[in-house]
């Protein structure tokens, strides 16, 4: 098992955002977490990546407990998050943004190999390599955010709302590349407001409601669930 989360609770002051959640991911998995706004989806990703400090429970990665580690140490182990809202460095060029993702290892041969991976997935980034992050379109910034994460050679990629604000065409492009990333061997946990898209891409899914996991199973099982169809697929 690659990742195991046991009885995870996340707090923001006195507010409990995640209430004893259990989830897991195996090597090569594509897992999605769907649910309404405020259900606690992003809080789970933030807890796994170490961004949230006020949490309880256990998080295990490759057999080692990581919930007490700092965010940089977790990233060094191969758990890398692409945050909601892209958060590229606006005054840095595309190349400089990408290099920020490889700061942990500073191996030029390894870095060059990852550049090739990123530019193969996102040719637009190669075309825009000298442009500053703030001059890119929303879709290009999302590609850059994912590319920057890939520069860190993740074993587990945490994606938070990658389709947010994108056109249907760009959403499809980013979705196709997520599939390619997964097929190349990187495990993915995807948080996505577009439940239909998420269930198309992933193999397993968790449905969250107000801090708890209400349902879990294969995406095929959940697509047939009447409650999921009415609440999230508008069917």
Protein backbone atom coordinates (compact mmCIF):
# COMPACT_ATOMS: atom_id res chain seq x y z
CA UNK A 1 0.00 0.00 0.00
CA UNK A 2 1.37 3.41 -0.98
CA UNK A 3 -0.74 5.66 1.27
CA UNK A 4 -2.88 4.88 4.30
CA UNK A 5 -4.82 7.53 6.21
CA UNK A 6 -6.37 6.41 9.49
CA UNK A 7 -8.96 8.31 11.56
CA UNK A 8 -7.80 11.68 10.24
CA UNK A 9 -9.20 14.76 11.95
CA UNK A 10 -8.34 18.29 10.82
CA UNK A 11 -9.03 21.45 12.81
CA UNK A 12 -9.08 25.16 12.06
CA UNK A 13 -9.20 26.66 15.51
CA UNK A 14 -12.25 25.12 17.17
CA UNK A 15 -13.80 24.07 13.87
CA UNK A 16 -13.38 20.40 12.94
CA UNK A 17 -13.19 20.25 9.15
CA UNK A 18 -12.41 16.52 8.81
CA UNK A 19 -13.95 14.03 11.22
CA UNK A 20 -12.15 10.74 11.48
CA UNK A 21 -11.60 9.93 7.81
CA UNK A 22 -9.98 6.71 6.57
CA UNK A 23 -8.69 6.38 3.01
CA UNK A 24 -5.94 4.67 1.07
CA UNK A 25 -4.16 4.54 -2.26
CA UNK A 26 -2.02 1.83 -3.81
CA UNK A 27 0.83 2.25 -6.25
CA UNK A 28 -0.51 3.29 -9.64
CA UNK A 29 -3.94 4.22 -8.29
CA UNK A 30 -6.04 7.11 -9.57
CA UNK A 31 -8.33 8.05 -6.70
CA UNK A 32 -10.76 10.95 -6.51
CA UNK A 33 -12.48 12.72 -3.62
CA UNK A 34 -15.72 14.46 -4.55
CA UNK A 35 -18.25 16.42 -2.53
CA UNK A 36 -19.77 19.84 -2.08
CA UNK A 37 -17.83 22.99 -1.15
CA UNK A 38 -16.78 22.93 2.49
CA UNK A 39 -17.01 19.15 2.79
CA UNK A 40 -13.33 18.86 3.79
CA UNK A 41 -11.78 17.63 0.53
CA UNK A 42 -8.96 20.18 0.37
CA UNK A 43 -8.29 19.76 4.09
CA UNK A 44 -7.50 16.09 3.50
CA UNK A 45 -4.95 16.94 0.80
CA UNK A 46 -3.43 19.65 2.99
CA UNK A 47 -3.12 17.21 5.87
CA UNK A 48 -1.44 14.56 3.72
CA UNK A 49 1.07 17.07 2.30
CA UNK A 50 1.78 18.59 5.72
CA UNK A 51 0.38 22.02 4.99
CA UNK A 52 -2.10 21.73 7.89
CA UNK A 53 -0.46 21.29 11.29
CA UNK A 54 -3.53 20.99 13.54
CA UNK A 55 -4.56 17.41 12.88
CA UNK A 56 -5.00 14.06 14.57
CA UNK A 57 -4.82 10.49 13.30
CA UNK A 58 -2.13 8.72 11.31
CA UNK A 59 -0.84 9.12 7.75
CA UNK A 60 1.45 6.40 6.40
CA UNK A 61 3.37 6.58 3.13
CA UNK A 62 5.40 3.64 1.80
CA UNK A 63 5.24 2.05 5.23
CA UNK A 64 6.51 5.10 7.14
CA UNK A 65 4.44 7.43 9.26
CA UNK A 66 4.60 10.97 7.81
CA UNK A 67 1.93 12.97 9.67
CA UNK A 68 4.55 14.37 12.07
CA UNK A 69 6.91 15.49 9.31
CA UNK A 70 7.19 19.00 7.84
CA UNK A 71 5.75 19.77 4.41
CA UNK A 72 9.25 19.93 2.77
CA UNK A 73 10.20 16.55 4.26
CA UNK A 74 6.95 15.01 3.01
CA UNK A 75 7.60 16.42 -0.46
CA UNK A 76 11.12 14.95 -0.42
CA UNK A 77 9.56 11.53 0.15
CA UNK A 78 7.53 11.94 -3.05
CA UNK A 79 4.17 13.39 -1.95
CA UNK A 80 3.65 16.57 -3.98
CA UNK A 81 0.57 18.80 -4.06
CA UNK A 82 -0.76 21.06 -6.80
CA UNK A 83 -2.84 23.58 -4.82
CA UNK A 84 -6.18 25.04 -5.78
CA UNK A 85 -5.76 28.31 -7.64
CA UNK A 86 -2.44 27.29 -9.32
CA UNK A 87 -0.26 29.70 -7.29
CA UNK A 88 2.50 30.05 -9.84
CA UNK A 89 5.21 32.61 -9.14
CA UNK A 90 3.91 35.56 -11.21
CA UNK A 91 7.21 37.40 -11.72
CA UNK A 92 9.28 34.30 -12.51
CA UNK A 93 9.49 32.86 -16.01
CA UNK A 94 8.03 29.49 -16.91
CA UNK A 95 11.51 27.93 -16.72
CA UNK A 96 12.19 29.54 -13.35
CA UNK A 97 8.85 28.31 -12.03
CA UNK A 98 9.64 24.78 -13.17
CA UNK A 99 13.08 24.88 -11.59
CA UNK A 100 11.45 25.70 -8.26
CA UNK A 101 9.98 22.21 -8.41
CA UNK A 102 13.41 20.59 -8.68
CA UNK A 103 15.08 22.51 -5.86
CA UNK A 104 15.09 19.44 -3.59
CA UNK A 105 17.57 17.39 -5.56
CA UNK A 106 19.64 19.77 -7.73
CA UNK A 107 20.69 16.98 -10.06
CA UNK A 108 21.14 18.46 -13.54
CA UNK A 109 20.67 15.18 -15.42
CA UNK A 110 17.56 14.36 -13.41
CA UNK A 111 16.28 17.91 -13.84
CA UNK A 112 16.80 17.77 -17.62
CA UNK A 113 14.94 14.48 -17.80
CA UNK A 114 11.99 16.01 -15.94
CA UNK A 115 12.01 19.02 -18.26
CA UNK A 116 11.59 16.60 -21.15
CA UNK A 117 8.69 14.88 -19.35
CA UNK A 118 6.95 18.18 -18.66
CA UNK A 119 7.45 19.61 -22.15
CA UNK A 120 6.24 16.38 -23.72
CA UNK A 121 3.04 16.64 -21.69
CA UNK A 122 2.64 20.39 -22.09
CA UNK A 123 4.30 21.66 -25.32
CA UNK A 124 2.80 25.11 -24.65
CA UNK A 125 5.11 25.50 -21.67
CA UNK A 126 8.14 25.01 -23.88
CA UNK A 127 6.82 27.66 -26.26
CA UNK A 128 6.26 30.03 -23.30
CA UNK A 129 9.46 29.11 -21.43
CA UNK A 130 10.75 32.68 -21.31
CA UNK A 131 7.44 34.31 -20.36
CA UNK A 132 6.60 35.36 -16.83
CA UNK A 133 3.98 33.34 -15.00
CA UNK A 134 1.57 36.25 -14.75
CA UNK A 135 1.37 36.59 -18.54
CA UNK A 136 0.04 33.06 -19.06
CA UNK A 137 -3.61 32.21 -19.55
CA UNK A 138 -5.48 30.38 -16.80
CA UNK A 139 -5.10 27.07 -18.59
CA UNK A 140 -1.38 27.62 -19.15
CA UNK A 141 -0.92 28.52 -15.50
CA UNK A 142 -2.62 25.26 -14.52
CA UNK A 143 -0.28 23.36 -16.83
CA UNK A 144 2.64 25.18 -15.22
CA UNK A 145 1.47 24.32 -11.71
CA UNK A 146 1.22 20.64 -12.63
CA UNK A 147 4.53 20.79 -14.47
CA UNK A 148 6.25 22.35 -11.47
CA UNK A 149 4.97 19.50 -9.29
CA UNK A 150 6.21 16.93 -11.80
CA UNK A 151 9.69 18.45 -11.63
CA UNK A 152 9.84 17.11 -8.06
CA UNK A 153 9.48 13.51 -9.36
CA UNK A 154 6.39 12.70 -7.28
CA UNK A 155 5.35 9.19 -6.39
CA UNK A 156 1.96 10.52 -5.27
CA UNK A 157 0.48 13.63 -6.90
CA UNK A 158 -2.25 15.51 -5.01
CA UNK A 159 -4.35 17.62 -7.38
CA UNK A 160 -6.76 20.18 -5.96
CA UNK A 161 -9.47 21.44 -8.35
CA UNK A 162 -7.33 21.46 -11.52
CA UNK A 163 -10.32 22.26 -13.78
CA UNK A 164 -11.43 25.29 -11.76
CA UNK A 165 -11.99 28.28 -14.05
CA UNK A 166 -10.94 26.48 -17.23
CA UNK A 167 -12.88 26.29 -20.48
CA UNK A 168 -14.30 22.88 -21.47
CA UNK A 169 -11.55 22.50 -24.09
CA UNK A 170 -8.73 23.25 -21.65
CA UNK A 171 -10.39 21.09 -19.00
CA UNK A 172 -10.28 18.17 -21.43
CA UNK A 173 -6.62 18.87 -22.23
CA UNK A 174 -5.62 18.91 -18.56
CA UNK A 175 -7.73 15.80 -17.92
CA UNK A 176 -5.99 13.91 -20.73
CA UNK A 177 -2.59 14.80 -19.30
CA UNK A 178 -3.63 13.64 -15.82
CA UNK A 179 -4.42 10.27 -17.37
CA UNK A 180 -1.02 10.18 -19.08
CA UNK A 181 0.74 11.06 -15.82
CA UNK A 182 -1.05 8.23 -14.04
CA UNK A 183 -0.39 5.74 -16.83
CA UNK A 184 3.31 6.61 -16.64
CA UNK A 185 3.33 5.33 -13.06
CA UNK A 186 2.49 8.28 -10.79
CA UNK A 187 -0.32 7.66 -8.31
CA UNK A 188 -2.91 10.45 -8.15
CA UNK A 189 -5.43 11.68 -5.62
CA UNK A 190 -7.73 14.18 -7.30
CA UNK A 191 -10.06 16.62 -5.54
CA UNK A 192 -12.49 17.90 -8.12
CA UNK A 193 -15.73 19.90 -8.04
CA UNK A 194 -16.63 18.52 -11.47
CA UNK A 195 -17.77 15.14 -10.20
CA UNK A 196 -18.62 13.82 -13.65
CA UNK A 197 -15.09 14.47 -14.88
CA UNK A 198 -13.54 13.05 -11.71
CA UNK A 199 -15.51 9.82 -11.96
CA UNK A 200 -14.53 9.45 -15.61
CA UNK A 201 -10.82 9.79 -14.82
CA UNK A 202 -10.39 7.88 -11.57
CA UNK A 203 -10.71 4.21 -10.72
CA UNK A 204 -11.85 4.61 -7.10
CA UNK A 205 -13.71 7.40 -5.36
CA UNK A 206 -14.62 8.77 -1.97
CA UNK A 207 -17.70 10.96 -1.50
CA UNK A 208 -17.42 13.49 1.34
CA UNK A 209 -20.21 15.21 3.22
CA UNK A 210 -19.49 17.75 5.99
CA UNK A 211 -16.16 16.31 7.05
CA UNK A 212 -17.06 12.63 6.76
CA UNK A 213 -16.79 10.04 4.01
CA UNK A 214 -20.35 9.12 3.12
CA UNK A 215 -19.59 6.64 0.34
CA UNK A 216 -16.60 4.91 -1.23
CA UNK A 217 -16.06 2.38 -3.97
CA UNK A 218 -15.07 2.02 -7.58
CA UNK A 219 -16.10 4.87 -9.84
CA UNK A 220 -18.33 2.48 -11.78
CA UNK A 221 -20.18 1.59 -8.57
CA UNK A 222 -20.64 5.23 -7.56
CA UNK A 223 -21.78 6.30 -11.02
CA UNK A 224 -24.68 3.86 -10.61
CA UNK A 225 -25.53 5.07 -7.08
CA UNK A 226 -28.82 6.95 -7.12
CA UNK A 227 -27.74 9.45 -4.47
CA UNK A 228 -24.52 10.29 -6.30
CA UNK A 229 -26.34 10.59 -9.62
CA UNK A 230 -28.84 13.07 -8.18
CA UNK A 231 -26.49 15.08 -5.97
CA UNK A 232 -23.36 15.28 -8.11
CA UNK A 233 -24.14 14.20 -11.67
CA UNK A 234 -27.46 16.01 -12.13
CA UNK A 235 -29.09 12.82 -13.33
